[in-house]
C-alpha atoms as a PDB file:
ATOM      1  CA  UNK A   1     -11.660   6.049  -5.548  1.00  0.00           C
ATOM      2  CA  UNK A   2     -11.745   5.357  -9.960  1.00  0.00           C
ATOM      3  CA  UNK A   3      -9.329   6.650 -12.352  1.00  0.00           C
ATOM      4  CA  UNK A   4      -9.649   8.360 -15.747  1.00  0.00           C
ATOM      5  CA  UNK A   5      -6.901   7.623 -18.706  1.00  0.00           C
ATOM      6  CA  UNK A   6      -6.547  11.220 -18.493  1.00  0.00           C
ATOM      7  CA  UNK A   7      -5.951  11.822 -14.779  1.00  0.00           C
ATOM      8  CA  UNK A   8      -3.345   8.552 -15.241  1.00  0.00           C
ATOM      9  CA  UNK A   9      -1.127  10.235 -17.814  1.00  0.00           C
ATOM     10  CA  UNK A  10      -1.820  13.729 -16.063  1.00  0.00           C
ATOM     11  CA  UNK A  11      -0.522  12.153 -12.524  1.00  0.00           C
ATOM     12  CA  UNK A  12       2.733  10.157 -14.794  1.00  0.00           C
ATOM     13  CA  UNK A  13       3.721  13.477 -16.714  1.00  0.00           C
ATOM     14  CA  UNK A  14       3.630  15.816 -13.768  1.00  0.00           C
ATOM     15  CA  UNK A  15       6.143  12.827 -11.816  1.00  0.00           C
ATOM     16  CA  UNK A  16       8.009  12.786 -15.224  1.00  0.00           C
ATOM     17  CA  UNK A  17       6.627   8.981 -15.356  1.00  0.00           C
ATOM     18  CA  UNK A  18       6.716   8.028 -19.026  1.00  0.00           C
ATOM     19  CA  UNK A  19       2.985   6.816 -19.906  1.00  0.00           C
ATOM     20  CA  UNK A  20       2.520   3.499 -21.036  1.00  0.00           C
ATOM     21  CA  UNK A  21      -1.004   1.143 -21.099  1.00  0.00           C
ATOM     22  CA  UNK A  22       0.806  -1.362 -18.801  1.00  0.00           C
ATOM     23  CA  UNK A  23       2.237   1.364 -16.651  1.00  0.00           C
ATOM     24  CA  UNK A  24      -0.900   2.651 -16.655  1.00  0.00           C
ATOM     25  CA  UNK A  25      -3.202  -0.052 -16.026  1.00  0.00           C
ATOM     26  CA  UNK A  26      -0.949  -1.225 -13.422  1.00  0.00           C
ATOM     27  CA  UNK A  27      -1.761   2.296 -11.446  1.00  0.00           C
ATOM     28  CA  UNK A  28      -5.113   2.256 -11.654  1.00  0.00           C
ATOM     29  CA  UNK A  29      -5.196  -1.383 -10.471  1.00  0.00           C
ATOM     30  CA  UNK A  30      -3.329  -0.326  -7.485  1.00  0.00           C
ATOM     31  CA  UNK A  31      -5.065   3.210  -6.531  1.00  0.00           C
ATOM     32  CA  UNK A  32      -8.245   1.333  -7.135  1.00  0.00           C
ATOM     33  CA  UNK A  33      -8.105  -0.653  -4.486  1.00  0.00           C
ATOM     34  CA  UNK A  34      -7.138  -0.634  -0.389  1.00  0.00           C
ATOM     35  CA  UNK A  35      -6.438  -4.286  -0.480  1.00  0.00           C
ATOM     36  CA  UNK A  36      -2.682  -3.020  -0.325  1.00  0.00           C
ATOM     37  CA  UNK A  37      -1.418  -6.331  -2.546  1.00  0.00           C
ATOM     38  CA  UNK A  38       1.503  -8.183  -3.660  1.00  0.00           C
ATOM     39  CA  UNK A  39       3.818  -7.860  -6.966  1.00  0.00           C
ATOM     40  CA  UNK A  40       2.077 -10.925  -7.917  1.00  0.00           C
ATOM     41  CA  UNK A  41      -1.464 -10.217  -6.766  1.00  0.00           C
ATOM     42  CA  UNK A  42      -1.305  -7.421  -9.016  1.00  0.00           C
ATOM     43  CA  UNK A  43       0.004  -9.391 -11.971  1.00  0.00           C
ATOM     44  CA  UNK A  44      -2.541 -11.784 -11.560  1.00  0.00           C
ATOM     45  CA  UNK A  45      -5.318  -8.890 -11.713  1.00  0.00           C
ATOM     46  CA  UNK A  46      -3.984  -6.731 -14.500  1.00  0.00           C
ATOM     47  CA  UNK A  47      -3.135 -10.053 -16.413  1.00  0.00           C
ATOM     48  CA  UNK A  48      -6.964 -10.087 -17.011  1.00  0.00           C
ATOM     49  CA  UNK A  49      -6.691  -6.522 -18.633  1.00  0.00           C
ATOM     50  CA  UNK A  50      -3.292  -6.535 -20.108  1.00  0.00           C
ATOM     51  CA  UNK A  51      -2.625 -10.492 -21.508  1.00  0.00           C
ATOM     52  CA  UNK A  52       1.000  -9.827 -22.711  1.00  0.00           C
ATOM     53  CA  UNK A  53       1.797  -8.582 -19.187  1.00  0.00           C
ATOM     54  CA  UNK A  54       4.839  -9.664 -17.622  1.00  0.00           C
ATOM     55  CA  UNK A  55       5.667 -10.251 -14.185  1.00  0.00           C
ATOM     56  CA  UNK A  56       9.061  -8.769 -14.510  1.00  0.00           C
ATOM     57  CA  UNK A  57       7.184  -5.503 -15.942  1.00  0.00           C
ATOM     58  CA  UNK A  58       4.687  -5.510 -12.991  1.00  0.00           C
ATOM     59  CA  UNK A  59       7.897  -5.549 -10.924  1.00  0.00           C
ATOM     60  CA  UNK A  60       9.571  -3.369 -13.228  1.00  0.00           C
ATOM     61  CA  UNK A  61       6.601  -0.786 -13.202  1.00  0.00           C
ATOM     62  CA  UNK A  62       6.498  -0.924  -9.481  1.00  0.00           C
ATOM     63  CA  UNK A  63       9.653   0.492  -8.788  1.00  0.00           C
ATOM     64  CA  UNK A  64       9.044   3.089 -11.580  1.00  0.00           C
ATOM     65  CA  UNK A  65       5.865   4.336  -9.864  1.00  0.00           C
ATOM     66  CA  UNK A  66       7.715   3.920  -5.838  1.00  0.00           C
ATOM     67  CA  UNK A  67      10.751   6.206  -7.041  1.00  0.00           C
ATOM     68  CA  UNK A  68       8.388   8.538  -8.434  1.00  0.00           C
ATOM     69  CA  UNK A  69       6.569   9.050  -5.386  1.00  0.00           C
ATOM     70  CA  UNK A  70       3.188   7.638  -6.877  1.00  0.00           C
ATOM     71  CA  UNK A  71       2.783   4.642  -5.060  1.00  0.00           C
ATOM     72  CA  UNK A  72       4.211   3.629  -1.941  1.00  0.00           C
ATOM     73  CA  UNK A  73       5.716  -0.156  -0.700  1.00  0.00           C
ATOM     74  CA  UNK A  74       4.353  -0.836   2.720  1.00  0.00           C
ATOM     75  CA  UNK A  75       6.952  -3.918   4.380  1.00  0.00           C
ATOM     76  CA  UNK A  76       5.237  -4.254   7.651  1.00  0.00           C
ATOM     77  CA  UNK A  77       7.336  -7.650   8.627  1.00  0.00           C
ATOM     78  CA  UNK A  78       5.558  -9.658   5.848  1.00  0.00           C
ATOM     79  CA  UNK A  79       7.392 -12.043   3.542  1.00  0.00           C
ATOM     80  CA  UNK A  80       6.854 -10.327   0.788  1.00  0.00           C
ATOM     81  CA  UNK A  81       6.337  -6.432  -0.581  1.00  0.00           C
ATOM     82  CA  UNK A  82       3.001  -4.819  -0.534  1.00  0.00           C
ATOM     83  CA  UNK A  83       2.085  -2.011  -2.160  1.00  0.00           C
ATOM     84  CA  UNK A  84      -0.235   1.199  -1.316  1.00  0.00           C
ATOM     85  CA  UNK A  85      -1.903   3.420  -4.233  1.00  0.00           C
ATOM     86  CA  UNK A  86      -2.572   5.827  -1.742  1.00  0.00           C
ATOM     87  CA  UNK A  87       0.394   8.253  -0.908  1.00  0.00           C
ATOM     88  CA  UNK A  88      -1.685  10.662   1.528  1.00  0.00           C
ATOM     89  CA  UNK A  89      -0.984  10.870   5.393  1.00  0.00           C
ATOM     90  CA  UNK A  90      -2.494   7.697   6.515  1.00  0.00           C
ATOM     91  CA  UNK A  91      -1.433   4.833   9.450  1.00  0.00           C
ATOM     92  CA  UNK A  92      -2.377   0.932   9.273  1.00  0.00           C
ATOM     93  CA  UNK A  93      -3.828  -1.605  11.190  1.00  0.00           C
ATOM     94  CA  UNK A  94      -1.522  -4.688  10.628  1.00  0.00           C
ATOM     95  CA  UNK A  95      -3.763  -8.573  11.182  1.00  0.00           C
ATOM     96  CA  UNK A  96      -0.831 -10.574  12.602  1.00  0.00           C
ATOM     97  CA  UNK A  97      -3.139 -13.423  11.838  1.00  0.00           C
ATOM     98  CA  UNK A  98      -4.241 -12.942   8.053  1.00  0.00           C
ATOM     99  CA  UNK A  99      -1.634  -9.731   7.086  1.00  0.00           C
ATOM    100  CA  UNK A 100      -4.565  -8.136   6.247  1.00  0.00           C
ATOM    101  CA  UNK A 101      -3.452  -4.094   6.277  1.00  0.00           C
ATOM    102  CA  UNK A 102      -6.373  -1.593   6.473  1.00  0.00           C
ATOM    103  CA  UNK A 103      -6.118   1.993   6.216  1.00  0.00           C
ATOM    104  CA  UNK A 104      -6.244   4.237   9.236  1.00  0.00           C
ATOM    105  CA  UNK A 105      -7.186   7.888   8.728  1.00  0.00           C
ATOM    106  CA  UNK A 106      -6.636   9.895  11.571  1.00  0.00           C
ATOM    107  CA  UNK A 107      -6.189  13.764  12.119  1.00  0.00           C
ATOM    108  CA  UNK A 108      -4.300  13.290  15.412  1.00  0.00           C
ATOM    109  CA  UNK A 109      -2.420  10.640  14.556  1.00  0.00           C
ATOM    110  CA  UNK A 110      -1.543  12.673  11.577  1.00  0.00           C
ATOM    111  CA  UNK A 111       0.140  15.790  13.562  1.00  0.00           C
ATOM    112  CA  UNK A 112       1.855  13.732  16.034  1.00  0.00           C
ATOM    113  CA  UNK A 113       5.394  15.247  16.434  1.00  0.00           C
ATOM    114  CA  UNK A 114       8.508  14.572  18.240  1.00  0.00           C
ATOM    115  CA  UNK A 115      10.316  16.803  20.981  1.00  0.00           C
ATOM    116  CA  UNK A 116      13.513  17.789  19.474  1.00  0.00           C
ATOM    117  CA  UNK A 117      15.235  15.793  22.374  1.00  0.00           C
ATOM    118  CA  UNK A 118      13.982  12.970  21.303  1.00  0.00           C
ATOM    119  CA  UNK A 119      14.708  13.597  17.095  1.00  0.00           C
ATOM    120  CA  UNK A 120      18.410  13.390  18.752  1.00  0.00           C
ATOM    121  CA  UNK A 121      18.756  16.064  16.223  1.00  0.00           C
ATOM    122  CA  UNK A 122      16.615  14.514  12.977  1.00  0.00           C
ATOM    123  CA  UNK A 123      15.316  16.457  10.369  1.00  0.00           C
ATOM    124  CA  UNK A 124      11.920  14.733  10.394  1.00  0.00           C
ATOM    125  CA  UNK A 125       9.953  14.505   7.545  1.00  0.00           C
ATOM    126  CA  UNK A 126       7.368  12.270   7.682  1.00  0.00           C
ATOM    127  CA  UNK A 127       6.218   9.186  10.092  1.00  0.00           C
ATOM    128  CA  UNK A 128       3.743   6.452   9.855  1.00  0.00           C
ATOM    129  CA  UNK A 129       1.843   4.544  12.740  1.00  0.00           C
ATOM    130  CA  UNK A 130       1.398   1.016  12.731  1.00  0.00           C
ATOM    131  CA  UNK A 131      -1.335  -0.805  15.147  1.00  0.00           C
ATOM    132  CA  UNK A 132      -0.752  -4.708  15.076  1.00  0.00           C
ATOM    133  CA  UNK A 133      -3.096  -6.804  16.390  1.00  0.00           C
ATOM    134  CA  UNK A 134      -5.970  -9.550  14.982  1.00  0.00           C
ATOM    135  CA  UNK A 135      -8.729  -8.414  12.476  1.00  0.00           C
ATOM    136  CA  UNK A 136     -12.573  -9.766  13.499  1.00  0.00           C
ATOM    137  CA  UNK A 137     -12.135 -13.244  11.510  1.00  0.00           C
ATOM    138  CA  UNK A 138      -8.625 -14.544  12.813  1.00  0.00           C
ATOM    139  CA  UNK A 139     -10.410 -13.313  16.079  1.00  0.00           C
ATOM    140  CA  UNK A 140     -13.505 -15.599  15.637  1.00  0.00           C
ATOM    141  CA  UNK A 141     -11.238 -18.036  14.296  1.00  0.00           C
ATOM    142  CA  UNK A 142      -9.513 -18.745  16.987  1.00  0.00           C
ATOM    143  CA  UNK A 143     -12.364 -18.349  19.023  1.00  0.00           C
ATOM    144  CA  UNK A 144     -13.964 -21.193  17.363  1.00  0.00           C
ATOM    145  CA  UNK A 145     -10.443 -23.456  17.765  1.00  0.00           C
ATOM    146  CA  UNK A 146     -10.346 -22.830  21.578  1.00  0.00           C
ATOM    147  CA  UNK A 147     -13.327 -21.154  22.838  1.00  0.00           C
ATOM    148  CA  UNK A 148     -12.007 -21.526  26.309  1.00  0.00           C
ATOM    149  CA  UNK A 149      -9.448 -18.902  25.766  1.00  0.00           C
ATOM    150  CA  UNK A 150      -8.997 -15.923  28.089  1.00  0.00           C
END
């Protein structure tokens, strides 16, 4: 989804986030991708548009945007945090081979609820479902390495 500068400014103001060119560039890059990039991935991407951008600015801005609820941190067993600009209710497919993360939009999963007994007194606010497996590319690579594997 492509955001215009006025859209970004309005979102920042609604969430009490001070608007800067660098923050807007980081946020736009994150919202416009579905790849769930790391902070370093975002730094490399945004540095092309904002040459004076520092790695520290990216990390700090990600913390500000996460705390404001504008983005989500997706840490699913990777060696580094990854970020998601889509804060609507959705779930993920996670490749155990290459680390790719794909969004799953499924209304049935969105409606999952625990029974009172299973909730054990928790006031459950949200849930996230993760499917772990191997993407098509990793499956194909494995077949090419050991074609007799069953």
